[in-house]
Amino acid sequence: FFSAASIFFVAMIVASSAKTYSLEGATISALFLISSPTL
């Protein structure tokens, strides 16, 4: 649960900080984080 909540905040941080392609950047960064072996 805490990891999934972290994924939400990471996606929101990337989406809000990107000027262009915010949804694509947030999706790609969250997918990399979700599938990272360490997390």
PDB file of all heavy atoms in Angstrom:
ATOM      1  N   PHE A   1       0.826  -1.210   0.000  1.00  0.00           N
ATOM      2  CA  PHE A   1       0.000   0.000   0.000  1.00  0.00           C
ATOM      3  C   PHE A   1       0.862   1.262   0.000  1.00  0.00           C
ATOM      4  O   PHE A   1       0.597   2.203  -0.759  1.00  0.00           O
ATOM      5  CB  PHE A   1      -0.937  -0.004   1.210  1.00  0.00           C
ATOM      6  CG  PHE A   1      -1.731   1.252   1.345  1.00  0.00           C
ATOM      7  CD1 PHE A   1      -2.852   1.453   0.571  1.00  0.00           C
ATOM      8  CD2 PHE A   1      -1.348   2.241   2.245  1.00  0.00           C
ATOM      9  CE1 PHE A   1      -3.594   2.632   0.679  1.00  0.00           C
ATOM     10  CE2 PHE A   1      -2.070   3.412   2.364  1.00  0.00           C
ATOM     11  CZ  PHE A   1      -3.201   3.607   1.574  1.00  0.00           C
ATOM     12  N   PHE A   2       1.878   1.298   0.843  1.00  0.00           N
ATOM     13  CA  PHE A   2       2.727   2.484   0.903  1.00  0.00           C
ATOM     14  C   PHE A   2       3.521   2.673  -0.387  1.00  0.00           C
ATOM     15  O   PHE A   2       3.759   3.805  -0.818  1.00  0.00           O
ATOM     16  CB  PHE A   2       3.664   2.422   2.108  1.00  0.00           C
ATOM     17  CG  PHE A   2       2.956   2.639   3.418  1.00  0.00           C
ATOM     18  CD1 PHE A   2       3.109   1.735   4.454  1.00  0.00           C
ATOM     19  CD2 PHE A   2       2.142   3.737   3.618  1.00  0.00           C
ATOM     20  CE1 PHE A   2       2.468   1.931   5.661  1.00  0.00           C
ATOM     21  CE2 PHE A   2       1.483   3.939   4.814  1.00  0.00           C
ATOM     22  CZ  PHE A   2       1.640   3.035   5.846  1.00  0.00           C
ATOM     23  N   SER A   3       3.906   1.586  -1.027  1.00  0.00           N
ATOM     24  CA  SER A   3       4.597   1.711  -2.314  1.00  0.00           C
ATOM     25  C   SER A   3       3.658   2.242  -3.387  1.00  0.00           C
ATOM     26  O   SER A   3       4.045   3.075  -4.201  1.00  0.00           O
ATOM     27  CB  SER A   3       5.166   0.367  -2.746  1.00  0.00           C
ATOM     28  OG  SER A   3       6.192  -0.025  -1.893  1.00  0.00           O
ATOM     29  N   ALA A   4       2.430   1.767  -3.399  1.00  0.00           N
ATOM     30  CA  ALA A   4       1.461   2.260  -4.383  1.00  0.00           C
ATOM     31  C   ALA A   4       1.149   3.739  -4.151  1.00  0.00           C
ATOM     32  O   ALA A   4       1.009   4.511  -5.110  1.00  0.00           O
ATOM     33  CB  ALA A   4       0.182   1.429  -4.320  1.00  0.00           C
ATOM     34  N   ALA A   5       1.048   4.135  -2.907  1.00  0.00           N
ATOM     35  CA  ALA A   5       0.826   5.554  -2.613  1.00  0.00           C
ATOM     36  C   ALA A   5       2.026   6.392  -3.047  1.00  0.00           C
ATOM     37  O   ALA A   5       1.871   7.520  -3.527  1.00  0.00           O
ATOM     38  CB  ALA A   5       0.555   5.744  -1.129  1.00  0.00           C
ATOM     39  N   SER A   6       3.218   5.837  -2.925  1.00  0.00           N
ATOM     40  CA  SER A   6       4.422   6.533  -3.389  1.00  0.00           C
ATOM     41  C   SER A   6       4.418   6.691  -4.894  1.00  0.00           C
ATOM     42  O   SER A   6       4.844   7.727  -5.422  1.00  0.00           O
ATOM     43  CB  SER A   6       5.675   5.779  -2.962  1.00  0.00           C
ATOM     44  OG  SER A   6       5.719   5.643  -1.573  1.00  0.00           O
ATOM     45  N   ILE A   7       3.933   5.666  -5.593  1.00  0.00           N
ATOM     46  CA  ILE A   7       3.836   5.741  -7.053  1.00  0.00           C
ATOM     47  C   ILE A   7       2.898   6.883  -7.452  1.00  0.00           C
ATOM     48  O   ILE A   7       3.171   7.629  -8.396  1.00  0.00           O
ATOM     49  CB  ILE A   7       3.336   4.399  -7.634  1.00  0.00           C
ATOM     50  CG1 ILE A   7       4.345   3.298  -7.372  1.00  0.00           C
ATOM     51  CG2 ILE A   7       3.016   4.514  -9.112  1.00  0.00           C
ATOM     52  CD1 ILE A   7       5.676   3.479  -8.030  1.00  0.00           C
ATOM     53  N   PHE A   8       1.807   7.042  -6.729  1.00  0.00           N
ATOM     54  CA  PHE A   8       0.891   8.152  -7.013  1.00  0.00           C
ATOM     55  C   PHE A   8       1.606   9.491  -6.889  1.00  0.00           C
ATOM     56  O   PHE A   8       1.503  10.353  -7.772  1.00  0.00           O
ATOM     57  CB  PHE A   8      -0.309   8.093  -6.070  1.00  0.00           C
ATOM     58  CG  PHE A   8      -1.190   9.311  -6.151  1.00  0.00           C
ATOM     59  CD1 PHE A   8      -2.063   9.477  -7.203  1.00  0.00           C
ATOM     60  CD2 PHE A   8      -1.117  10.300  -5.180  1.00  0.00           C
ATOM     61  CE1 PHE A   8      -2.868  10.604  -7.291  1.00  0.00           C
ATOM     62  CE2 PHE A   8      -1.916  11.421  -5.252  1.00  0.00           C
ATOM     63  CZ  PHE A   8      -2.800  11.577  -6.318  1.00  0.00           C
ATOM     64  N   PHE A   9       2.330   9.682  -5.805  1.00  0.00           N
ATOM     65  CA  PHE A   9       2.996  10.965  -5.597  1.00  0.00           C
ATOM     66  C   PHE A   9       4.142  11.192  -6.576  1.00  0.00           C
ATOM     67  O   PHE A   9       4.369  12.321  -7.013  1.00  0.00           O
ATOM     68  CB  PHE A   9       3.474  11.094  -4.153  1.00  0.00           C
ATOM     69  CG  PHE A   9       2.364  11.348  -3.183  1.00  0.00           C
ATOM     70  CD1 PHE A   9       2.088  10.430  -2.191  1.00  0.00           C
ATOM     71  CD2 PHE A   9       1.584  12.482  -3.270  1.00  0.00           C
ATOM     72  CE1 PHE A   9       1.056  10.649  -1.289  1.00  0.00           C
ATOM     73  CE2 PHE A   9       0.548  12.708  -2.389  1.00  0.00           C
ATOM     74  CZ  PHE A   9       0.283  11.783  -1.389  1.00  0.00           C
ATOM     75  N   VAL A  10       4.860  10.139  -6.934  1.00  0.00           N
ATOM     76  CA  VAL A  10       5.930  10.294  -7.925  1.00  0.00           C
ATOM     77  C   VAL A  10       5.343  10.708  -9.269  1.00  0.00           C
ATOM     78  O   VAL A  10       5.861  11.605  -9.943  1.00  0.00           O
ATOM     79  CB  VAL A  10       6.752   8.997  -8.054  1.00  0.00           C
ATOM     80  CG1 VAL A  10       7.615   9.005  -9.303  1.00  0.00           C
ATOM     81  CG2 VAL A  10       7.615   8.810  -6.828  1.00  0.00           C
ATOM     82  N   ALA A  11       4.254  10.072  -9.670  1.00  0.00           N
ATOM     83  CA  ALA A  11       3.617  10.435 -10.936  1.00  0.00           C
ATOM     84  C   ALA A  11       3.094  11.865 -10.898  1.00  0.00           C
ATOM     85  O   ALA A  11       3.206  12.607 -11.888  1.00  0.00           O
ATOM     86  CB  ALA A  11       2.490   9.456 -11.250  1.00  0.00           C
ATOM     87  N   MET A  12       2.543  12.281  -9.779  1.00  0.00           N
ATOM     88  CA  MET A  12       2.054  13.660  -9.665  1.00  0.00           C
ATOM     89  C   MET A  12       3.198  14.661  -9.688  1.00  0.00           C
ATOM     90  O   MET A  12       3.084  15.732 -10.284  1.00  0.00           O
ATOM     91  CB  MET A  12       1.242  13.824  -8.372  1.00  0.00           C
ATOM     92  CG  MET A  12      -0.116  13.202  -8.419  1.00  0.00           C
ATOM     93  SD  MET A  12      -1.182  13.870  -9.698  1.00  0.00           S
ATOM     94  CE  MET A  12      -1.339  15.557  -9.174  1.00  0.00           C
ATOM     95  N   ILE A  13       4.318  14.328  -9.052  1.00  0.00           N
ATOM     96  CA  ILE A  13       5.474  15.226  -9.049  1.00  0.00           C
ATOM     97  C   ILE A  13       6.017  15.392 -10.453  1.00  0.00           C
ATOM     98  O   ILE A  13       6.289  16.509 -10.901  1.00  0.00           O
ATOM     99  CB  ILE A  13       6.555  14.705  -8.086  1.00  0.00           C
ATOM    100  CG1 ILE A  13       6.100  14.851  -6.645  1.00  0.00           C
ATOM    101  CG2 ILE A  13       7.878  15.423  -8.302  1.00  0.00           C
ATOM    102  CD1 ILE A  13       6.940  14.083  -5.644  1.00  0.00           C
ATOM    103  N   VAL A  14       6.167  14.295 -11.171  1.00  0.00           N
ATOM    104  CA  VAL A  14       6.701  14.376 -12.531  1.00  0.00           C
ATOM    105  C   VAL A  14       5.718  15.089 -13.445  1.00  0.00           C
ATOM    106  O   VAL A  14       6.114  15.923 -14.268  1.00  0.00           O
ATOM    107  CB  VAL A  14       7.041  12.962 -13.066  1.00  0.00           C
ATOM    108  CG1 VAL A  14       7.396  13.003 -14.540  1.00  0.00           C
ATOM    109  CG2 VAL A  14       8.165  12.363 -12.261  1.00  0.00           C
ATOM    110  N   ALA A  15       4.434  14.800 -13.301  1.00  0.00           N
ATOM    111  CA  ALA A  15       3.434  15.431 -14.164  1.00  0.00           C
ATOM    112  C   ALA A  15       3.328  16.929 -13.907  1.00  0.00           C
ATOM    113  O   ALA A  15       3.139  17.713 -14.839  1.00  0.00           O
ATOM    114  CB  ALA A  15       2.080  14.772 -13.959  1.00  0.00           C
ATOM    115  N   SER A  16       3.472  17.343 -12.674  1.00  0.00           N
ATOM    116  CA  SER A  16       3.335  18.771 -12.376  1.00  0.00           C
ATOM    117  C   SER A  16       4.604  19.553 -12.671  1.00  0.00           C
ATOM    118  O   SER A  16       4.546  20.762 -12.902  1.00  0.00           O
ATOM    119  CB  SER A  16       2.931  18.971 -10.918  1.00  0.00           C
ATOM    120  OG  SER A  16       3.963  18.532 -10.070  1.00  0.00           O
ATOM    121  N   SER A  17       5.745  18.884 -12.675  1.00  0.00           N
ATOM    122  CA  SER A  17       6.994  19.610 -12.924  1.00  0.00           C
ATOM    123  C   SER A  17       7.354  19.670 -14.399  1.00  0.00           C
ATOM    124  O   SER A  17       8.165  20.506 -14.795  1.00  0.00           O
ATOM    125  CB  SER A  17       8.143  18.973 -12.146  1.00  0.00           C
ATOM    126  OG  SER A  17       8.371  17.672 -12.607  1.00  0.00           O
ATOM    127  N   ALA A  18       6.761  18.826 -15.208  1.00  0.00           N
ATOM    128  CA  ALA A  18       7.081  18.821 -16.638  1.00  0.00           C
ATOM    129  C   ALA A  18       6.247  19.877 -17.356  1.00  0.00           C
ATOM    130  O   ALA A  18       5.064  20.027 -17.100  1.00  0.00           O
ATOM    131  CB  ALA A  18       6.815  17.451 -17.231  1.00  0.00           C
ATOM    132  N   LYS A  19       6.875  20.587 -18.243  1.00  0.00           N
ATOM    133  CA  LYS A  19       6.159  21.617 -18.999  1.00  0.00           C
ATOM    134  C   LYS A  19       5.393  21.001 -20.174  1.00  0.00           C
ATOM    135  O   LYS A  19       4.262  21.358 -20.439  1.00  0.00           O
ATOM    136  CB  LYS A  19       7.153  22.646 -19.522  1.00  0.00           C
ATOM    137  CG  LYS A  19       7.937  23.320 -18.435  1.00  0.00           C
ATOM    138  CD  LYS A  19       7.418  24.684 -18.197  1.00  0.00           C
ATOM    139  CE  LYS A  19       8.365  25.437 -17.304  1.00  0.00           C
ATOM    140  NZ  LYS A  19       7.861  25.703 -16.020  1.00  0.00           N
ATOM    141  N   THR A  20       6.034  20.101 -20.875  1.00  0.00           N
ATOM    142  CA  THR A  20       5.385  19.425 -21.999  1.00  0.00           C
ATOM    143  C   THR A  20       5.471  17.922 -21.779  1.00  0.00           C
ATOM    144  O   THR A  20       6.339  17.440 -21.070  1.00  0.00           O
ATOM    145  CB  THR A  20       6.067  19.775 -23.328  1.00  0.00           C
ATOM    146  OG1 THR A  20       7.445  19.419 -23.238  1.00  0.00           O
ATOM    147  CG2 THR A  20       5.941  21.260 -23.621  1.00  0.00           C
ATOM    148  N   TYR A  21       4.583  17.211 -22.408  1.00  0.00           N
ATOM    149  CA  TYR A  21       4.521  15.757 -22.303  1.00  0.00           C
ATOM    150  C   TYR A  21       4.438  15.299 -20.847  1.00  0.00           C
ATOM    151  O   TYR A  21       5.101  14.361 -20.445  1.00  0.00           O
ATOM    152  CB  TYR A  21       5.722  15.098 -22.989  1.00  0.00           C
ATOM    153  CG  TYR A  21       5.891  15.497 -24.424  1.00  0.00           C
ATOM    154  CD1 TYR A  21       6.966  16.269 -24.820  1.00  0.00           C
ATOM    155  CD2 TYR A  21       4.958  15.104 -25.370  1.00  0.00           C
ATOM    156  CE1 TYR A  21       7.119  16.642 -26.139  1.00  0.00           C
ATOM    157  CE2 TYR A  21       5.104  15.470 -26.694  1.00  0.00           C
ATOM    158  CZ  TYR A  21       6.187  16.239 -27.077  1.00  0.00           C
ATOM    159  OH  TYR A  21       6.329  16.608 -28.373  1.00  0.00           O
ATOM    160  N   SER A  22       3.637  15.972 -20.063  1.00  0.00           N
ATOM    161  CA  SER A  22       3.582  15.656 -18.641  1.00  0.00           C
ATOM    162  C   SER A  22       2.972  14.279 -18.378  1.00  0.00           C
ATOM    163  O   SER A  22       3.454  13.540 -17.522  1.00  0.00           O
ATOM    164  CB  SER A  22       2.810  16.731 -17.887  1.00  0.00           C
ATOM    165  OG  SER A  22       1.477  16.790 -18.347  1.00  0.00           O
ATOM    166  N   LEU A  23       1.916  13.923 -19.101  1.00  0.00           N
ATOM    167  CA  LEU A  23       1.304  12.620 -18.868  1.00  0.00           C
ATOM    168  C   LEU A  23       2.217  11.482 -19.303  1.00  0.00           C
ATOM    169  O   LEU A  23       2.320  10.471 -18.625  1.00  0.00           O
ATOM    170  CB  LEU A  23      -0.029  12.527 -19.620  1.00  0.00           C
ATOM    171  CG  LEU A  23      -1.187  13.317 -19.023  1.00  0.00           C
ATOM    172  CD1 LEU A  23      -2.408  13.222 -19.899  1.00  0.00           C
ATOM    173  CD2 LEU A  23      -1.488  12.816 -17.635  1.00  0.00           C
ATOM    174  N   GLU A  24       2.887  11.671 -20.426  1.00  0.00           N
ATOM    175  CA  GLU A  24       3.781  10.623 -20.905  1.00  0.00           C
ATOM    176  C   GLU A  24       4.970  10.461 -19.971  1.00  0.00           C
ATOM    177  O   GLU A  24       5.374   9.339 -19.642  1.00  0.00           O
ATOM    178  CB  GLU A  24       4.279  10.932 -22.321  1.00  0.00           C
ATOM    179  CG  GLU A  24       3.196  10.884 -23.377  1.00  0.00           C
ATOM    180  CD  GLU A  24       2.422  12.193 -23.507  1.00  0.00           C
ATOM    181  OE1 GLU A  24       2.708  13.147 -22.747  1.00  0.00           O
ATOM    182  OE2 GLU A  24       1.529  12.252 -24.349  1.00  0.00           O
ATOM    183  N   GLY A  25       5.534  11.564 -19.522  1.00  0.00           N
ATOM    184  CA  GLY A  25       6.665  11.503 -18.599  1.00  0.00           C
ATOM    185  C   GLY A  25       6.291  10.886 -17.276  1.00  0.00           C
ATOM    186  O   GLY A  25       7.047  10.101 -16.703  1.00  0.00           O
ATOM    187  N   ALA A  26       5.119  11.245 -16.764  1.00  0.00           N
ATOM    188  CA  ALA A  26       4.662  10.679 -15.494  1.00  0.00           C
ATOM    189  C   ALA A  26       4.409   9.187 -15.624  1.00  0.00           C
ATOM    190  O   ALA A  26       4.762   8.408 -14.736  1.00  0.00           O
ATOM    191  CB  ALA A  26       3.399  11.387 -15.033  1.00  0.00           C
ATOM    192  N   THR A  27       3.818   8.788 -16.737  1.00  0.00           N
ATOM    193  CA  THR A  27       3.528   7.371 -16.942  1.00  0.00           C
ATOM    194  C   THR A  27       4.809   6.556 -17.073  1.00  0.00           C
ATOM    195  O   THR A  27       4.958   5.507 -16.436  1.00  0.00           O
ATOM    196  CB  THR A  27       2.658   7.187 -18.197  1.00  0.00           C
ATOM    197  OG1 THR A  27       1.474   7.969 -18.058  1.00  0.00           O
ATOM    198  CG2 THR A  27       2.286   5.737 -18.389  1.00  0.00           C
ATOM    199  N   ILE A  28       5.738   7.044 -17.860  1.00  0.00           N
ATOM    200  CA  ILE A  28       6.988   6.310 -18.068  1.00  0.00           C
ATOM    201  C   ILE A  28       7.804   6.232 -16.783  1.00  0.00           C
ATOM    202  O   ILE A  28       8.324   5.166 -16.417  1.00  0.00           O
ATOM    203  CB  ILE A  28       7.800   6.939 -19.214  1.00  0.00           C
ATOM    204  CG1 ILE A  28       7.086   6.688 -20.539  1.00  0.00           C
ATOM    205  CG2 ILE A  28       9.212   6.403 -19.258  1.00  0.00           C
ATOM    206  CD1 ILE A  28       7.651   7.459 -21.702  1.00  0.00           C
ATOM    207  N   SER A  29       7.907   7.342 -16.071  1.00  0.00           N
ATOM    208  CA  SER A  29       8.697   7.323 -14.832  1.00  0.00           C
ATOM    209  C   SER A  29       8.049   6.433 -13.779  1.00  0.00           C
ATOM    210  O   SER A  29       8.746   5.707 -13.059  1.00  0.00           O
ATOM    211  CB  SER A  29       8.875   8.739 -14.297  1.00  0.00           C
ATOM    212  OG  SER A  29       7.632   9.301 -13.950  1.00  0.00           O
ATOM    213  N   ALA A  30       6.731   6.457 -13.683  1.00  0.00           N
ATOM    214  CA  ALA A  30       6.055   5.595 -12.707  1.00  0.00           C
ATOM    215  C   ALA A  30       6.180   4.127 -13.094  1.00  0.00           C
ATOM    216  O   ALA A  30       6.366   3.273 -12.225  1.00  0.00           O
ATOM    217  CB  ALA A  30       4.595   5.992 -12.579  1.00  0.00           C
ATOM    218  N   LEU A  31       6.100   3.821 -14.376  1.00  0.00           N
ATOM    219  CA  LEU A  31       6.243   2.432 -14.803  1.00  0.00           C
ATOM    220  C   LEU A  31       7.644   1.904 -14.540  1.00  0.00           C
ATOM    221  O   LEU A  31       7.827   0.735 -14.173  1.00  0.00           O
ATOM    222  CB  LEU A  31       5.882   2.285 -16.285  1.00  0.00           C
ATOM    223  CG  LEU A  31       4.388   2.383 -16.607  1.00  0.00           C
ATOM    224  CD1 LEU A  31       4.168   2.346 -18.110  1.00  0.00           C
ATOM    225  CD2 LEU A  31       3.614   1.279 -15.920  1.00  0.00           C
ATOM    226  N   PHE A  32       8.662   2.751 -14.751  1.00  0.00           N
ATOM    227  CA  PHE A  32      10.026   2.338 -14.413  1.00  0.00           C
ATOM    228  C   PHE A  32      10.168   2.097 -12.917  1.00  0.00           C
ATOM    229  O   PHE A  32      10.828   1.147 -12.490  1.00  0.00           O
ATOM    230  CB  PHE A  32      11.046   3.384 -14.865  1.00  0.00           C
ATOM    231  CG  PHE A  32      11.489   3.223 -16.289  1.00  0.00           C
ATOM    232  CD1 PHE A  32      11.304   4.238 -17.194  1.00  0.00           C
ATOM    233  CD2 PHE A  32      12.093   2.056 -16.715  1.00  0.00           C
ATOM    234  CE1 PHE A  32      11.700   4.095 -18.505  1.00  0.00           C
ATOM    235  CE2 PHE A  32      12.505   1.903 -18.021  1.00  0.00           C
ATOM    236  CZ  PHE A  32      12.301   2.916 -18.934  1.00  0.00           C
ATOM    237  N   LEU A  33       9.553   2.954 -12.118  1.00  0.00           N
ATOM    238  CA  LEU A  33       9.645   2.782 -10.675  1.00  0.00           C
ATOM    239  C   LEU A  33       8.874   1.557 -10.197  1.00  0.00           C
ATOM    240  O   LEU A  33       9.342   0.815  -9.331  1.00  0.00           O
ATOM    241  CB  LEU A  33       9.141   4.039  -9.961  1.00  0.00           C
ATOM    242  CG  LEU A  33       9.300   4.080  -8.449  1.00  0.00           C
ATOM    243  CD1 LEU A  33      10.766   3.968  -8.066  1.00  0.00           C
ATOM    244  CD2 LEU A  33       8.703   5.351  -7.891  1.00  0.00           C
ATOM    245  N   ILE A  34       7.697   1.334 -10.774  1.00  0.00           N
ATOM    246  CA  ILE A  34       6.887   0.169 -10.406  1.00  0.00           C
ATOM    247  C   ILE A  34       7.640  -1.123 -10.679  1.00  0.00           C
ATOM    248  O   ILE A  34       7.647  -2.045  -9.870  1.00  0.00           O
ATOM    249  CB  ILE A  34       5.546   0.178 -11.175  1.00  0.00           C
ATOM    250  CG1 ILE A  34       4.637   1.287 -10.667  1.00  0.00           C
ATOM    251  CG2 ILE A  34       4.839  -1.164 -11.074  1.00  0.00           C
ATOM    252  CD1 ILE A  34       3.444   1.553 -11.551  1.00  0.00           C
ATOM    253  N   SER A  35       8.285  -1.187 -11.827  1.00  0.00           N
ATOM    254  CA  SER A  35       8.934  -2.436 -12.236  1.00  0.00           C
ATOM    255  C   SER A  35      10.391  -2.538 -11.814  1.00  0.00           C
ATOM    256  O   SER A  35      11.063  -3.507 -12.174  1.00  0.00           O
ATOM    257  CB  SER A  35       8.830  -2.591 -13.752  1.00  0.00           C
ATOM    258  OG  SER A  35       9.519  -1.530 -14.390  1.00  0.00           O
ATOM    259  N   SER A  36      10.883  -1.581 -11.057  1.00  0.00           N
ATOM    260  CA  SER A  36      12.273  -1.673 -10.610  1.00  0.00           C
ATOM    261  C   SER A  36      12.404  -2.825  -9.606  1.00  0.00           C
ATOM    262  O   SER A  36      11.559  -2.983  -8.720  1.00  0.00           O
ATOM    263  CB  SER A  36      12.729  -0.360  -9.988  1.00  0.00           C
ATOM    264  OG  SER A  36      12.101  -0.169  -8.747  1.00  0.00           O
ATOM    265  N   PRO A  37      13.436  -3.629  -9.753  1.00  0.00           N
ATOM    266  CA  PRO A  37      13.573  -4.793  -8.863  1.00  0.00           C
ATOM    267  C   PRO A  37      13.695  -4.421  -7.387  1.00  0.00           C
ATOM    268  O   PRO A  37      13.201  -5.143  -6.518  1.00  0.00           O
ATOM    269  CB  PRO A  37      14.843  -5.476  -9.361  1.00  0.00           C
ATOM    270  CG  PRO A  37      15.046  -4.979 -10.746  1.00  0.00           C
ATOM    271  CD  PRO A  37      14.462  -3.610 -10.790  1.00  0.00           C
ATOM    272  N   THR A  38      14.330  -3.310  -7.098  1.00  0.00           N
ATOM    273  CA  THR A  38      14.515  -2.928  -5.702  1.00  0.00           C
ATOM    274  C   THR A  38      13.188  -2.574  -5.041  1.00  0.00           C
ATOM    275  O   THR A  38      12.869  -3.067  -3.953  1.00  0.00           O
ATOM    276  CB  THR A  38      15.481  -1.737  -5.602  1.00  0.00           C
ATOM    277  OG1 THR A  38      16.699  -2.081  -6.237  1.00  0.00           O
ATOM    278  CG2 THR A  38      15.742  -1.375  -4.160  1.00  0.00           C
ATOM    279  N   LEU A  39      12.405  -1.713  -5.682  1.00  0.00           N
ATOM    280  CA  LEU A  39      11.120  -1.332  -5.098  1.00  0.00           C
ATOM    281  C   LEU A  39      10.176  -2.518  -5.045  1.00  0.00           C
ATOM    282  O   LEU A  39       9.467  -2.711  -4.051  1.00  0.00           O
ATOM    283  CB  LEU A  39      10.482  -0.175  -5.867  1.00  0.00           C
ATOM    284  CG  LEU A  39       9.147   0.306  -5.304  1.00  0.00           C
ATOM    285  CD1 LEU A  39       9.334   0.905  -3.927  1.00  0.00           C
ATOM    286  CD2 LEU A  39       8.486   1.281  -6.230  1.00  0.00           C
TER     287      LEU A  39
END
